[in-house]
Amino acid sequence: MVFKRRDRRAIWQIVLDFFYPRGGWARAFEYVKHRVRRLPDTPPKISRGVAAGVFVSFTPFFGLHFVIAIIIARILRGNILAALMATFFGNPLTFPAIGYVSITLGSWILGLPQGTSLQLGQRFGDASYDLWHNFLAIFTTERIDWQGMNVFYDEVFFPYLVGGFVPGLVTAAASYALSVPVIAAYQKRRKKVLRAKLDQLRKKTSPSRDAGD
């Protein structure tokens, strides 16, 4: 196949690359920024896509960020590819801060006890245990119990969903405001460089044509 990797990565390598890409996070961020700026579209449309991807990073729908980013980008008439790449804003380096702020703010809005964000590990563990235990219970005589999942929804997922809306909207708006002039300036400079190269190419070919005439 044309796009198939020659060196197949092991599962552990795929997981490691997700948490720490080859070349480091600085290089990964630079690559995404470079690709976004070179997209063949207008600055406002690309920036709307960026805003959509950034906003999705503040939602707790892990595993569905790409799908939701595409939907929001289409609604905003933004660049879909820019939206997909902008979901990179949410990564293992930023998710702890995003999760802490979102859950803390959401708990405050909903009037829930503070400090839940400090027990994320336990809540995720209880929810995961419920999923696995209840799956096995289908084939055994064990009793199905969703207590851990219910606590996870009440103290983590729903506060995360509510609390992530405000910082997500603010960050998305800021990313749009910053992206429009930056992308516009980059595209203008790139056009100027390409025009200069084209003029040089024309000057090189002009003498040969004159000599032929």
N, C-alpha and C. Protein backbone atom coordinates (compact mmCIF):
# COMPACT_ATOMS: atom_id res chain seq x y z
N MET A 1 0.84 -1.20 0.00
CA MET A 1 0.00 0.00 0.00
C MET A 1 0.87 1.24 0.00
N VAL A 2 0.34 2.32 -0.63
CA VAL A 2 1.15 3.52 -0.81
C VAL A 2 1.44 4.22 0.51
N PHE A 3 0.40 4.32 1.40
CA PHE A 3 0.56 5.09 2.63
C PHE A 3 0.85 4.22 3.85
N LYS A 4 1.16 2.96 3.63
CA LYS A 4 1.46 2.06 4.74
C LYS A 4 2.88 2.26 5.22
N ARG A 5 3.05 2.29 6.55
CA ARG A 5 4.38 2.45 7.12
C ARG A 5 5.23 1.23 6.81
N ARG A 6 6.50 1.47 6.46
CA ARG A 6 7.43 0.37 6.23
C ARG A 6 7.83 -0.29 7.54
N ASP A 7 8.01 0.54 8.57
CA ASP A 7 8.39 0.00 9.88
C ASP A 7 7.16 0.04 10.80
N ARG A 8 6.54 -1.08 10.97
CA ARG A 8 5.35 -1.15 11.80
C ARG A 8 5.73 -0.94 13.27
N ARG A 9 4.99 0.01 13.92
CA ARG A 9 5.29 0.32 15.31
C ARG A 9 4.58 -0.64 16.25
N ALA A 10 5.23 -0.95 17.35
CA ALA A 10 4.61 -1.77 18.38
C ALA A 10 3.60 -0.93 19.15
N ILE A 11 2.72 -1.60 19.88
CA ILE A 11 1.69 -0.89 20.64
C ILE A 11 2.31 0.08 21.64
N TRP A 12 3.37 -0.38 22.31
CA TRP A 12 4.01 0.48 23.31
C TRP A 12 4.60 1.72 22.67
N GLN A 13 5.09 1.60 21.41
CA GLN A 13 5.67 2.74 20.72
C GLN A 13 4.59 3.75 20.34
N ILE A 14 3.41 3.25 19.94
CA ILE A 14 2.29 4.14 19.59
C ILE A 14 1.86 4.93 20.82
N VAL A 15 1.75 4.25 21.97
CA VAL A 15 1.37 4.92 23.21
C VAL A 15 2.42 5.94 23.62
N LEU A 16 3.71 5.56 23.50
CA LEU A 16 4.79 6.47 23.87
C LEU A 16 4.80 7.70 22.98
N ASP A 17 4.57 7.52 21.67
CA ASP A 17 4.54 8.65 20.74
C ASP A 17 3.39 9.60 21.04
N PHE A 18 2.28 9.04 21.57
CA PHE A 18 1.15 9.90 21.91
C PHE A 18 1.49 10.82 23.07
N PHE A 19 2.17 10.28 24.08
CA PHE A 19 2.51 11.09 25.25
C PHE A 19 3.77 11.92 25.03
N TYR A 20 4.67 11.44 24.17
CA TYR A 20 5.88 12.21 23.87
C TYR A 20 6.31 11.92 22.44
N PRO A 21 5.88 12.77 21.49
CA PRO A 21 6.19 12.53 20.07
C PRO A 21 7.69 12.52 19.81
N ARG A 22 8.07 11.86 18.74
CA ARG A 22 9.47 11.84 18.35
C ARG A 22 9.90 13.27 17.98
N GLY A 23 11.00 13.70 18.55
CA GLY A 23 11.46 15.06 18.32
C GLY A 23 11.00 16.02 19.41
N GLY A 24 10.11 15.55 20.30
CA GLY A 24 9.65 16.39 21.40
C GLY A 24 8.39 17.17 21.06
N TRP A 25 7.75 17.72 22.11
CA TRP A 25 6.51 18.47 21.92
C TRP A 25 6.74 19.79 21.21
N ALA A 26 7.89 20.41 21.41
CA ALA A 26 8.17 21.69 20.75
C ALA A 26 8.16 21.52 19.24
N ARG A 27 8.79 20.47 18.76
CA ARG A 27 8.81 20.21 17.32
C ARG A 27 7.42 19.86 16.80
N ALA A 28 6.65 19.12 17.60
CA ALA A 28 5.29 18.75 17.19
C ALA A 28 4.41 20.00 17.08
N PHE A 29 4.50 20.91 18.05
CA PHE A 29 3.74 22.15 17.99
C PHE A 29 4.14 22.98 16.78
N GLU A 30 5.44 23.04 16.51
CA GLU A 30 5.93 23.81 15.36
C GLU A 30 5.42 23.23 14.05
N TYR A 31 5.35 21.91 13.98
CA TYR A 31 4.87 21.25 12.77
C TYR A 31 3.39 21.58 12.52
N VAL A 32 2.58 21.50 13.58
CA VAL A 32 1.15 21.80 13.45
C VAL A 32 0.95 23.25 13.06
N LYS A 33 1.68 24.17 13.69
CA LYS A 33 1.56 25.59 13.38
C LYS A 33 1.93 25.86 11.93
N HIS A 34 2.98 25.21 11.46
CA HIS A 34 3.43 25.40 10.08
C HIS A 34 2.38 24.89 9.09
N ARG A 35 1.79 23.73 9.38
CA ARG A 35 0.79 23.16 8.48
C ARG A 35 -0.47 24.00 8.44
N VAL A 36 -0.88 24.54 9.59
CA VAL A 36 -2.08 25.38 9.64
C VAL A 36 -1.90 26.64 8.81
N ARG A 37 -0.74 27.27 8.92
CA ARG A 37 -0.49 28.51 8.18
C ARG A 37 -0.44 28.29 6.68
N ARG A 38 -0.08 27.09 6.24
CA ARG A 38 0.08 26.82 4.82
C ARG A 38 -1.21 26.28 4.17
N LEU A 39 -2.29 26.18 4.93
CA LEU A 39 -3.54 25.69 4.36
C LEU A 39 -4.04 26.64 3.27
N PRO A 40 -4.50 26.10 2.14
CA PRO A 40 -4.97 26.94 1.03
C PRO A 40 -6.40 27.43 1.24
N ASP A 41 -6.56 28.40 2.13
CA ASP A 41 -7.88 28.95 2.41
C ASP A 41 -7.72 30.36 2.95
N THR A 42 -8.81 31.08 3.13
CA THR A 42 -8.75 32.45 3.63
C THR A 42 -8.42 32.44 5.12
N PRO A 43 -7.73 33.46 5.62
CA PRO A 43 -7.39 33.53 7.05
C PRO A 43 -8.59 33.41 7.98
N PRO A 44 -9.71 34.11 7.71
CA PRO A 44 -10.86 33.96 8.63
C PRO A 44 -11.40 32.53 8.67
N LYS A 45 -11.45 31.87 7.51
CA LYS A 45 -11.99 30.51 7.49
C LYS A 45 -11.06 29.54 8.21
N ILE A 46 -9.76 29.68 8.00
CA ILE A 46 -8.80 28.83 8.71
C ILE A 46 -8.88 29.09 10.21
N SER A 47 -9.00 30.35 10.59
CA SER A 47 -9.05 30.71 12.01
C SER A 47 -10.32 30.19 12.68
N ARG A 48 -11.43 30.19 11.94
CA ARG A 48 -12.66 29.61 12.50
C ARG A 48 -12.49 28.11 12.74
N GLY A 49 -11.77 27.46 11.86
CA GLY A 49 -11.46 26.04 12.08
C GLY A 49 -10.58 25.85 13.30
N VAL A 50 -9.59 26.70 13.46
CA VAL A 50 -8.71 26.64 14.63
C VAL A 50 -9.51 26.82 15.91
N ALA A 51 -10.41 27.80 15.91
CA ALA A 51 -11.24 28.06 17.08
C ALA A 51 -12.11 26.85 17.42
N ALA A 52 -12.64 26.19 16.40
CA ALA A 52 -13.47 25.00 16.63
C ALA A 52 -12.66 23.89 17.29
N GLY A 53 -11.45 23.64 16.78
CA GLY A 53 -10.61 22.60 17.34
C GLY A 53 -10.17 22.90 18.76
N VAL A 54 -9.85 24.15 19.04
CA VAL A 54 -9.43 24.55 20.38
C VAL A 54 -10.58 24.39 21.36
N PHE A 55 -11.78 24.81 20.95
CA PHE A 55 -12.94 24.71 21.83
C PHE A 55 -13.23 23.26 22.20
N VAL A 56 -13.14 22.36 21.23
CA VAL A 56 -13.42 20.95 21.47
C VAL A 56 -12.46 20.36 22.49
N SER A 57 -11.24 20.89 22.55
CA SER A 57 -10.24 20.38 23.49
C SER A 57 -10.67 20.56 24.94
N PHE A 58 -11.65 21.43 25.18
CA PHE A 58 -12.12 21.68 26.54
C PHE A 58 -13.35 20.86 26.89
N THR A 59 -13.73 19.93 26.03
CA THR A 59 -14.88 19.07 26.31
C THR A 59 -14.40 17.71 26.78
N PRO A 60 -15.21 17.00 27.57
CA PRO A 60 -14.79 15.69 28.09
C PRO A 60 -15.12 14.52 27.16
N PHE A 61 -15.45 14.83 25.88
CA PHE A 61 -15.81 13.78 24.94
C PHE A 61 -14.55 13.19 24.28
N PHE A 62 -13.68 12.61 25.09
CA PHE A 62 -12.44 12.04 24.58
C PHE A 62 -12.75 10.88 23.62
N GLY A 63 -12.05 10.88 22.50
CA GLY A 63 -12.30 9.88 21.48
C GLY A 63 -13.24 10.39 20.40
N LEU A 64 -13.95 11.49 20.70
CA LEU A 64 -14.88 12.07 19.73
C LEU A 64 -14.49 13.49 19.34
N HIS A 65 -13.32 13.94 19.76
CA HIS A 65 -12.91 15.31 19.48
C HIS A 65 -12.85 15.61 17.99
N PHE A 66 -12.35 14.67 17.19
CA PHE A 66 -12.28 14.88 15.76
C PHE A 66 -13.67 15.07 15.16
N VAL A 67 -14.59 14.19 15.55
CA VAL A 67 -15.95 14.25 15.00
C VAL A 67 -16.64 15.56 15.38
N ILE A 68 -16.54 15.94 16.66
CA ILE A 68 -17.18 17.17 17.12
C ILE A 68 -16.53 18.39 16.48
N ALA A 69 -15.21 18.36 16.30
CA ALA A 69 -14.50 19.47 15.67
C ALA A 69 -14.98 19.66 14.23
N ILE A 70 -15.20 18.58 13.52
CA ILE A 70 -15.70 18.67 12.14
C ILE A 70 -17.09 19.29 12.12
N ILE A 71 -17.95 18.85 13.04
CA ILE A 71 -19.32 19.38 13.09
C ILE A 71 -19.33 20.87 13.38
N ILE A 72 -18.56 21.29 14.40
CA ILE A 72 -18.52 22.71 14.76
C ILE A 72 -17.90 23.54 13.63
N ALA A 73 -16.86 23.01 12.99
CA ALA A 73 -16.22 23.73 11.88
C ALA A 73 -17.19 23.92 10.73
N ARG A 74 -18.01 22.93 10.44
CA ARG A 74 -19.00 23.05 9.37
C ARG A 74 -20.06 24.09 9.73
N ILE A 75 -20.47 24.10 11.00
CA ILE A 75 -21.46 25.08 11.44
C ILE A 75 -20.90 26.50 11.32
N LEU A 76 -19.64 26.66 11.69
CA LEU A 76 -18.99 27.99 11.64
C LEU A 76 -18.46 28.32 10.25
N ARG A 77 -18.58 27.37 9.32
CA ARG A 77 -18.02 27.53 7.97
C ARG A 77 -16.51 27.77 8.05
N GLY A 78 -15.88 26.96 8.89
CA GLY A 78 -14.44 27.05 9.04
C GLY A 78 -13.75 25.93 8.30
N ASN A 79 -12.44 26.00 8.23
CA ASN A 79 -11.63 25.00 7.55
C ASN A 79 -11.59 23.73 8.41
N ILE A 80 -12.05 22.63 7.87
CA ILE A 80 -12.15 21.38 8.63
C ILE A 80 -10.77 20.84 8.99
N LEU A 81 -9.83 20.89 8.05
CA LEU A 81 -8.49 20.39 8.33
C LEU A 81 -7.83 21.19 9.45
N ALA A 82 -8.06 22.51 9.46
CA ALA A 82 -7.53 23.35 10.53
C ALA A 82 -8.15 22.97 11.87
N ALA A 83 -9.44 22.63 11.85
CA ALA A 83 -10.12 22.22 13.09
C ALA A 83 -9.54 20.92 13.62
N LEU A 84 -9.27 19.98 12.72
CA LEU A 84 -8.70 18.70 13.16
C LEU A 84 -7.32 18.89 13.76
N MET A 85 -6.50 19.72 13.12
CA MET A 85 -5.15 19.93 13.63
C MET A 85 -5.16 20.74 14.93
N ALA A 86 -6.16 21.63 15.08
CA ALA A 86 -6.23 22.46 16.29
C ALA A 86 -6.65 21.66 17.51
N THR A 87 -7.25 20.48 17.32
CA THR A 87 -7.56 19.65 18.48
C THR A 87 -6.29 19.20 19.19
N PHE A 88 -5.15 19.37 18.51
CA PHE A 88 -3.86 19.07 19.10
C PHE A 88 -3.58 19.97 20.30
N PHE A 89 -4.37 21.06 20.42
CA PHE A 89 -4.25 21.94 21.59
C PHE A 89 -4.48 21.14 22.87
N GLY A 90 -5.36 20.14 22.78
CA GLY A 90 -5.57 19.25 23.90
C GLY A 90 -4.65 18.05 23.77
N ASN A 91 -3.68 17.94 24.64
CA ASN A 91 -2.68 16.88 24.59
C ASN A 91 -2.28 16.53 26.02
N PRO A 92 -1.48 15.48 26.19
CA PRO A 92 -1.10 15.07 27.56
C PRO A 92 -0.44 16.17 28.39
N LEU A 93 0.10 17.20 27.75
CA LEU A 93 0.70 18.29 28.51
C LEU A 93 -0.34 19.29 29.01
N THR A 94 -1.41 19.50 28.22
CA THR A 94 -2.41 20.51 28.58
C THR A 94 -3.65 19.93 29.24
N PHE A 95 -3.93 18.65 29.03
CA PHE A 95 -5.15 18.07 29.58
C PHE A 95 -5.22 18.15 31.10
N PRO A 96 -4.13 17.94 31.85
CA PRO A 96 -4.25 18.08 33.31
C PRO A 96 -4.73 19.46 33.74
N ALA A 97 -4.18 20.52 33.12
CA ALA A 97 -4.61 21.88 33.46
C ALA A 97 -6.03 22.14 33.00
N ILE A 98 -6.37 21.69 31.77
CA ILE A 98 -7.72 21.88 31.25
C ILE A 98 -8.73 21.17 32.15
N GLY A 99 -8.43 19.93 32.50
CA GLY A 99 -9.33 19.16 33.33
C GLY A 99 -9.52 19.77 34.71
N TYR A 100 -8.41 20.22 35.32
CA TYR A 100 -8.49 20.80 36.66
C TYR A 100 -9.34 22.07 36.66
N VAL A 101 -9.06 22.96 35.70
CA VAL A 101 -9.81 24.22 35.63
C VAL A 101 -11.29 23.95 35.33
N SER A 102 -11.56 23.07 34.37
CA SER A 102 -12.94 22.80 33.96
C SER A 102 -13.75 22.17 35.09
N ILE A 103 -13.20 21.17 35.75
CA ILE A 103 -13.93 20.49 36.82
C ILE A 103 -14.12 21.40 38.02
N THR A 104 -13.09 22.18 38.36
CA THR A 104 -13.20 23.10 39.49
C THR A 104 -14.26 24.16 39.22
N LEU A 105 -14.22 24.75 38.02
CA LEU A 105 -15.21 25.77 37.66
C LEU A 105 -16.61 25.17 37.57
N GLY A 106 -16.71 23.98 36.96
CA GLY A 106 -18.01 23.34 36.84
C GLY A 106 -18.60 22.97 38.19
N SER A 107 -17.77 22.49 39.10
CA SER A 107 -18.25 22.16 40.45
C SER A 107 -18.74 23.41 41.17
N TRP A 108 -18.05 24.52 40.97
CA TRP A 108 -18.47 25.78 41.59
C TRP A 108 -19.80 26.26 41.01
N ILE A 109 -19.96 26.16 39.69
CA ILE A 109 -21.21 26.58 39.05
C ILE A 109 -22.38 25.72 39.51
N LEU A 110 -22.14 24.41 39.63
CA LEU A 110 -23.21 23.48 40.01
C LEU A 110 -23.40 23.39 41.52
N GLY A 111 -22.57 24.08 42.28
CA GLY A 111 -22.70 24.05 43.74
C GLY A 111 -22.25 22.75 44.36
N LEU A 112 -21.30 22.06 43.71
CA LEU A 112 -20.80 20.79 44.22
C LEU A 112 -19.59 21.04 45.13
N PRO A 113 -19.28 20.10 46.00
CA PRO A 113 -18.11 20.25 46.88
C PRO A 113 -16.83 20.37 46.07
N GLN A 114 -15.95 21.25 46.48
CA GLN A 114 -14.68 21.43 45.80
C GLN A 114 -13.71 20.32 46.20
N GLY A 115 -12.69 20.12 45.37
CA GLY A 115 -11.69 19.11 45.67
C GLY A 115 -11.86 17.84 44.88
N THR A 116 -12.94 17.76 44.07
CA THR A 116 -13.16 16.56 43.27
C THR A 116 -12.06 16.38 42.25
N SER A 117 -11.54 17.49 41.73
CA SER A 117 -10.50 17.41 40.69
C SER A 117 -9.24 16.74 41.21
N LEU A 118 -9.07 16.73 42.55
CA LEU A 118 -7.90 16.10 43.12
C LEU A 118 -8.08 14.59 43.25
N GLN A 119 -9.29 14.09 42.99
CA GLN A 119 -9.58 12.67 43.11
C GLN A 119 -9.89 12.06 41.74
N LEU A 120 -9.37 12.66 40.68
CA LEU A 120 -9.66 12.19 39.33
C LEU A 120 -9.22 10.74 39.13
N GLY A 121 -8.03 10.41 39.63
CA GLY A 121 -7.52 9.06 39.46
C GLY A 121 -8.47 8.02 40.03
N GLN A 122 -8.96 8.30 41.23
CA GLN A 122 -9.87 7.36 41.88
C GLN A 122 -11.19 7.26 41.13
N ARG A 123 -11.71 8.40 40.67
CA ARG A 123 -12.99 8.40 39.96
C ARG A 123 -12.87 7.66 38.62
N PHE A 124 -11.80 7.89 37.90
CA PHE A 124 -11.58 7.17 36.64
C PHE A 124 -11.42 5.67 36.91
N GLY A 125 -10.70 5.34 37.98
CA GLY A 125 -10.49 3.95 38.33
C GLY A 125 -11.80 3.24 38.67
N ASP A 126 -12.66 3.91 39.45
CA ASP A 126 -13.95 3.32 39.82
C ASP A 126 -14.84 3.12 38.59
N ALA A 127 -14.84 4.12 37.68
CA ALA A 127 -15.66 4.01 36.48
C ALA A 127 -15.15 2.89 35.58
N SER A 128 -13.83 2.79 35.45
CA SER A 128 -13.25 1.72 34.62
C SER A 128 -13.55 0.35 35.22
N TYR A 129 -13.49 0.27 36.54
CA TYR A 129 -13.80 -1.00 37.20
C TYR A 129 -15.24 -1.40 36.94
N ASP A 130 -16.17 -0.42 36.99
CA ASP A 130 -17.58 -0.73 36.72
C ASP A 130 -17.78 -1.26 35.31
N LEU A 131 -17.13 -0.64 34.34
CA LEU A 131 -17.27 -1.08 32.96
C LEU A 131 -16.79 -2.52 32.80
N TRP A 132 -15.62 -2.82 33.35
CA TRP A 132 -15.07 -4.17 33.20
C TRP A 132 -15.88 -5.19 34.01
N HIS A 133 -16.22 -4.83 35.24
CA HIS A 133 -16.97 -5.74 36.10
C HIS A 133 -18.35 -6.05 35.51
N ASN A 134 -19.03 -5.04 35.00
CA ASN A 134 -20.37 -5.25 34.46
C ASN A 134 -20.34 -6.00 33.13
N PHE A 135 -19.25 -5.83 32.40
CA PHE A 135 -19.10 -6.62 31.18
C PHE A 135 -18.97 -8.10 31.52
N LEU A 136 -18.16 -8.41 32.52
CA LEU A 136 -17.99 -9.81 32.94
C LEU A 136 -19.27 -10.36 33.56
N ALA A 137 -20.04 -9.46 34.19
CA ALA A 137 -21.27 -9.90 34.85
C ALA A 137 -22.30 -10.43 33.86
N ILE A 138 -22.18 -10.03 32.60
CA ILE A 138 -23.11 -10.53 31.57
C ILE A 138 -22.96 -12.04 31.42
N PHE A 139 -21.75 -12.54 31.64
CA PHE A 139 -21.47 -13.97 31.42
C PHE A 139 -21.37 -14.75 32.72
N THR A 140 -21.56 -14.07 33.86
CA THR A 140 -21.46 -14.75 35.15
C THR A 140 -22.70 -14.43 35.99
N THR A 141 -22.65 -14.85 37.22
CA THR A 141 -23.77 -14.58 38.14
C THR A 141 -23.54 -13.32 38.97
N GLU A 142 -22.47 -12.56 38.66
CA GLU A 142 -22.18 -11.34 39.40
C GLU A 142 -23.28 -10.29 39.15
N ARG A 143 -23.47 -9.45 40.14
CA ARG A 143 -24.50 -8.41 40.05
C ARG A 143 -23.93 -7.17 39.36
N ILE A 144 -24.71 -6.61 38.44
CA ILE A 144 -24.29 -5.39 37.74
C ILE A 144 -24.48 -4.19 38.66
N ASP A 145 -23.44 -3.39 38.77
CA ASP A 145 -23.48 -2.23 39.67
C ASP A 145 -22.83 -1.04 38.96
N TRP A 146 -23.57 0.06 38.87
CA TRP A 146 -23.06 1.26 38.19
C TRP A 146 -22.77 2.39 39.17
N GLN A 147 -22.52 2.06 40.41
CA GLN A 147 -22.30 3.10 41.42
C GLN A 147 -21.08 3.96 41.08
N GLY A 148 -19.97 3.32 40.73
CA GLY A 148 -18.77 4.08 40.39
C GLY A 148 -18.96 4.95 39.17
N MET A 149 -19.68 4.45 38.18
CA MET A 149 -19.95 5.23 36.97
C MET A 149 -20.86 6.42 37.27
N ASN A 150 -21.85 6.21 38.14
CA ASN A 150 -22.75 7.31 38.51
C ASN A 150 -21.99 8.42 39.23
N VAL A 151 -21.11 8.03 40.13
CA VAL A 151 -20.30 9.03 40.84
C VAL A 151 -19.39 9.76 39.86
N PHE A 152 -18.82 9.01 38.91
CA PHE A 152 -17.95 9.62 37.90
C PHE A 152 -18.71 10.66 37.09
N TYR A 153 -19.94 10.33 36.69
CA TYR A 153 -20.74 11.28 35.91
C TYR A 153 -21.09 12.52 36.72
N ASP A 154 -21.51 12.32 37.97
CA ASP A 154 -21.95 13.44 38.80
C ASP A 154 -20.80 14.35 39.23
N GLU A 155 -19.63 13.76 39.52
CA GLU A 155 -18.54 14.55 40.09
C GLU A 155 -17.43 14.90 39.10
N VAL A 156 -17.40 14.24 37.94
CA VAL A 156 -16.32 14.49 36.99
C VAL A 156 -16.86 14.92 35.63
N PHE A 157 -17.60 14.03 34.97
CA PHE A 157 -18.00 14.27 33.59
C PHE A 157 -18.89 15.51 33.44
N PHE A 158 -19.98 15.58 34.20
CA PHE A 158 -20.90 16.70 34.05
C PHE A 158 -20.27 18.03 34.48
N PRO A 159 -19.57 18.08 35.63
CA PRO A 159 -18.86 19.34 35.97
C PRO A 159 -17.83 19.72 34.91
N TYR A 160 -17.13 18.72 34.35
CA TYR A 160 -16.16 18.98 33.28
C TYR A 160 -16.86 19.60 32.07
N LEU A 161 -18.02 19.04 31.71
CA LEU A 161 -18.77 19.54 30.55
C LEU A 161 -19.25 20.97 30.76
N VAL A 162 -19.77 21.24 31.95
CA VAL A 162 -20.28 22.58 32.26
C VAL A 162 -19.13 23.58 32.42
N GLY A 163 -18.13 23.19 33.18
CA GLY A 163 -17.03 24.11 33.47
C GLY A 163 -16.11 24.35 32.30
N GLY A 164 -16.05 23.42 31.35
CA GLY A 164 -15.15 23.60 30.21
C GLY A 164 -15.69 24.55 29.16
N PHE A 165 -16.99 24.86 29.23
CA PHE A 165 -17.60 25.71 28.21
C PHE A 165 -17.02 27.12 28.22
N VAL A 166 -16.93 27.73 29.40
CA VAL A 166 -16.48 29.13 29.49
C VAL A 166 -15.01 29.28 29.10
N PRO A 167 -14.06 28.56 29.73
CA PRO A 167 -12.66 28.70 29.31
C PRO A 167 -12.45 28.24 27.88
N GLY A 168 -13.23 27.25 27.42
CA GLY A 168 -13.11 26.80 26.04
C GLY A 168 -13.53 27.88 25.07
N LEU A 169 -14.63 28.57 25.39
CA LEU A 169 -15.12 29.64 24.52
C LEU A 169 -14.16 30.81 24.51
N VAL A 170 -13.64 31.16 25.68
CA VAL A 170 -12.68 32.29 25.76
C VAL A 170 -11.40 31.97 25.00
N THR A 171 -10.86 30.76 25.20
CA THR A 171 -9.62 30.37 24.52
C THR A 171 -9.83 30.27 23.01
N ALA A 172 -10.99 29.76 22.60
CA ALA A 172 -11.29 29.66 21.17
C ALA A 172 -11.38 31.04 20.53
N ALA A 173 -12.04 31.98 21.23
CA ALA A 173 -12.16 33.34 20.72
C ALA A 173 -10.79 34.01 20.62
N ALA A 174 -9.96 33.78 21.62
CA ALA A 174 -8.60 34.35 21.61
C ALA A 174 -7.77 33.75 20.48
N SER A 175 -7.91 32.44 20.27
CA SER A 175 -7.15 31.79 19.19
C SER A 175 -7.59 32.31 17.83
N TYR A 176 -8.88 32.59 17.68
CA TYR A 176 -9.36 33.15 16.42
C TYR A 176 -8.79 34.55 16.20
N ALA A 177 -8.87 35.37 17.25
CA ALA A 177 -8.38 36.75 17.13
C ALA A 177 -6.89 36.81 16.82
N LEU A 178 -6.12 35.87 17.36
CA LEU A 178 -4.68 35.84 17.12
C LEU A 178 -4.35 35.21 15.77
N SER A 179 -5.13 34.23 15.36
CA SER A 179 -4.81 33.49 14.14
C SER A 179 -5.05 34.30 12.87
N VAL A 180 -6.10 35.11 12.84
CA VAL A 180 -6.44 35.85 11.62
C VAL A 180 -5.29 36.73 11.15
N PRO A 181 -4.75 37.65 11.98
CA PRO A 181 -3.65 38.49 11.50
C PRO A 181 -2.36 37.72 11.23
N VAL A 182 -2.10 36.68 12.04
CA VAL A 182 -0.87 35.90 11.85
C VAL A 182 -0.91 35.15 10.52
N ILE A 183 -2.02 34.48 10.24
CA ILE A 183 -2.14 33.73 9.00
C ILE A 183 -2.18 34.66 7.79
N ALA A 184 -2.86 35.80 7.94
CA ALA A 184 -2.92 36.77 6.84
C ALA A 184 -1.53 37.30 6.51
N ALA A 185 -0.74 37.63 7.54
CA ALA A 185 0.61 38.13 7.33
C ALA A 185 1.50 37.06 6.70
N TYR A 186 1.33 35.81 7.15
CA TYR A 186 2.13 34.72 6.60
C TYR A 186 1.80 34.50 5.12
N GLN A 187 0.51 34.49 4.79
CA GLN A 187 0.11 34.27 3.40
C GLN A 187 0.59 35.42 2.51
N LYS A 188 0.53 36.63 3.01
CA LYS A 188 0.98 37.79 2.24
C LYS A 188 2.48 37.71 1.98
N ARG A 189 3.24 37.35 3.01
CA ARG A 189 4.68 37.22 2.86
C ARG A 189 5.04 36.07 1.92
N ARG A 190 4.30 34.99 2.01
CA ARG A 190 4.56 33.83 1.15
C ARG A 190 4.27 34.17 -0.32
N LYS A 191 3.19 34.91 -0.55
CA LYS A 191 2.88 35.33 -1.92
C LYS A 191 3.97 36.23 -2.47
N LYS A 192 4.50 37.10 -1.61
CA LYS A 192 5.56 38.01 -2.04
C LYS A 192 6.83 37.23 -2.40
N VAL A 193 7.13 36.21 -1.61
CA VAL A 193 8.31 35.38 -1.89
C VAL A 193 8.13 34.62 -3.20
N LEU A 194 6.95 34.05 -3.39
CA LEU A 194 6.68 33.31 -4.63
C LEU A 194 6.71 34.23 -5.84
N ARG A 195 6.19 35.45 -5.68
CA ARG A 195 6.20 36.41 -6.78
C ARG A 195 7.64 36.80 -7.13
N ALA A 196 8.48 36.98 -6.10
CA ALA A 196 9.88 37.33 -6.35
C ALA A 196 10.60 36.20 -7.07
N LYS A 197 10.34 34.95 -6.69
CA LYS A 197 10.96 33.81 -7.36
C LYS A 197 10.49 33.71 -8.81
N LEU A 198 9.22 34.01 -9.05
CA LEU A 198 8.69 33.97 -10.40
C LEU A 198 9.31 35.05 -11.27
N ASP A 199 9.51 36.24 -10.69
CA ASP A 199 10.16 37.33 -11.43
C ASP A 199 11.60 36.96 -11.78
N GLN A 200 12.31 36.35 -10.84
CA GLN A 200 13.69 35.92 -11.12
C GLN A 200 13.73 34.89 -12.22
N LEU A 201 12.77 33.97 -12.22
CA LEU A 201 12.72 32.95 -13.25
C LEU A 201 12.43 33.56 -14.61
N ARG A 202 11.59 34.56 -14.64
CA ARG A 202 11.27 35.24 -15.90
C ARG A 202 12.50 36.00 -16.43
N LYS A 203 13.25 36.62 -15.52
CA LYS A 203 14.43 37.36 -15.94
C LYS A 203 15.50 36.41 -16.53
N LYS A 204 15.56 35.19 -15.95
CA LYS A 204 16.54 34.23 -16.45
C LYS A 204 16.18 33.71 -17.83
N THR A 205 14.88 33.59 -18.06
CA THR A 205 14.44 33.04 -19.36
C THR A 205 14.35 34.12 -20.43
N SER A 206 14.22 35.39 -20.04
CA SER A 206 14.08 36.47 -21.02
C SER A 206 15.29 36.63 -21.93
N PRO A 207 16.56 36.65 -21.45
CA PRO A 207 17.73 36.81 -22.34
C PRO A 207 17.81 35.73 -23.39
N SER A 208 17.48 34.48 -23.01
CA SER A 208 17.57 33.39 -23.98
C SER A 208 16.55 33.57 -25.07
N ARG A 209 15.37 34.11 -24.73
CA ARG A 209 14.36 34.34 -25.75
C ARG A 209 14.78 35.47 -26.68
N ASP A 210 15.35 36.55 -26.09
CA ASP A 210 15.80 37.68 -26.91
C ASP A 210 16.89 37.23 -27.85
N ALA A 211 17.80 36.37 -27.37
CA ALA A 211 18.90 35.92 -28.22
C ALA A 211 18.36 35.06 -29.36
N GLY A 212 17.33 34.28 -29.08
CA GLY A 212 16.75 33.45 -30.13
C GLY A 212 16.09 34.29 -31.19
N ASP A 213 15.45 35.39 -30.75
CA ASP A 213 14.82 36.27 -31.74
C ASP A 213 15.87 36.95 -32.61
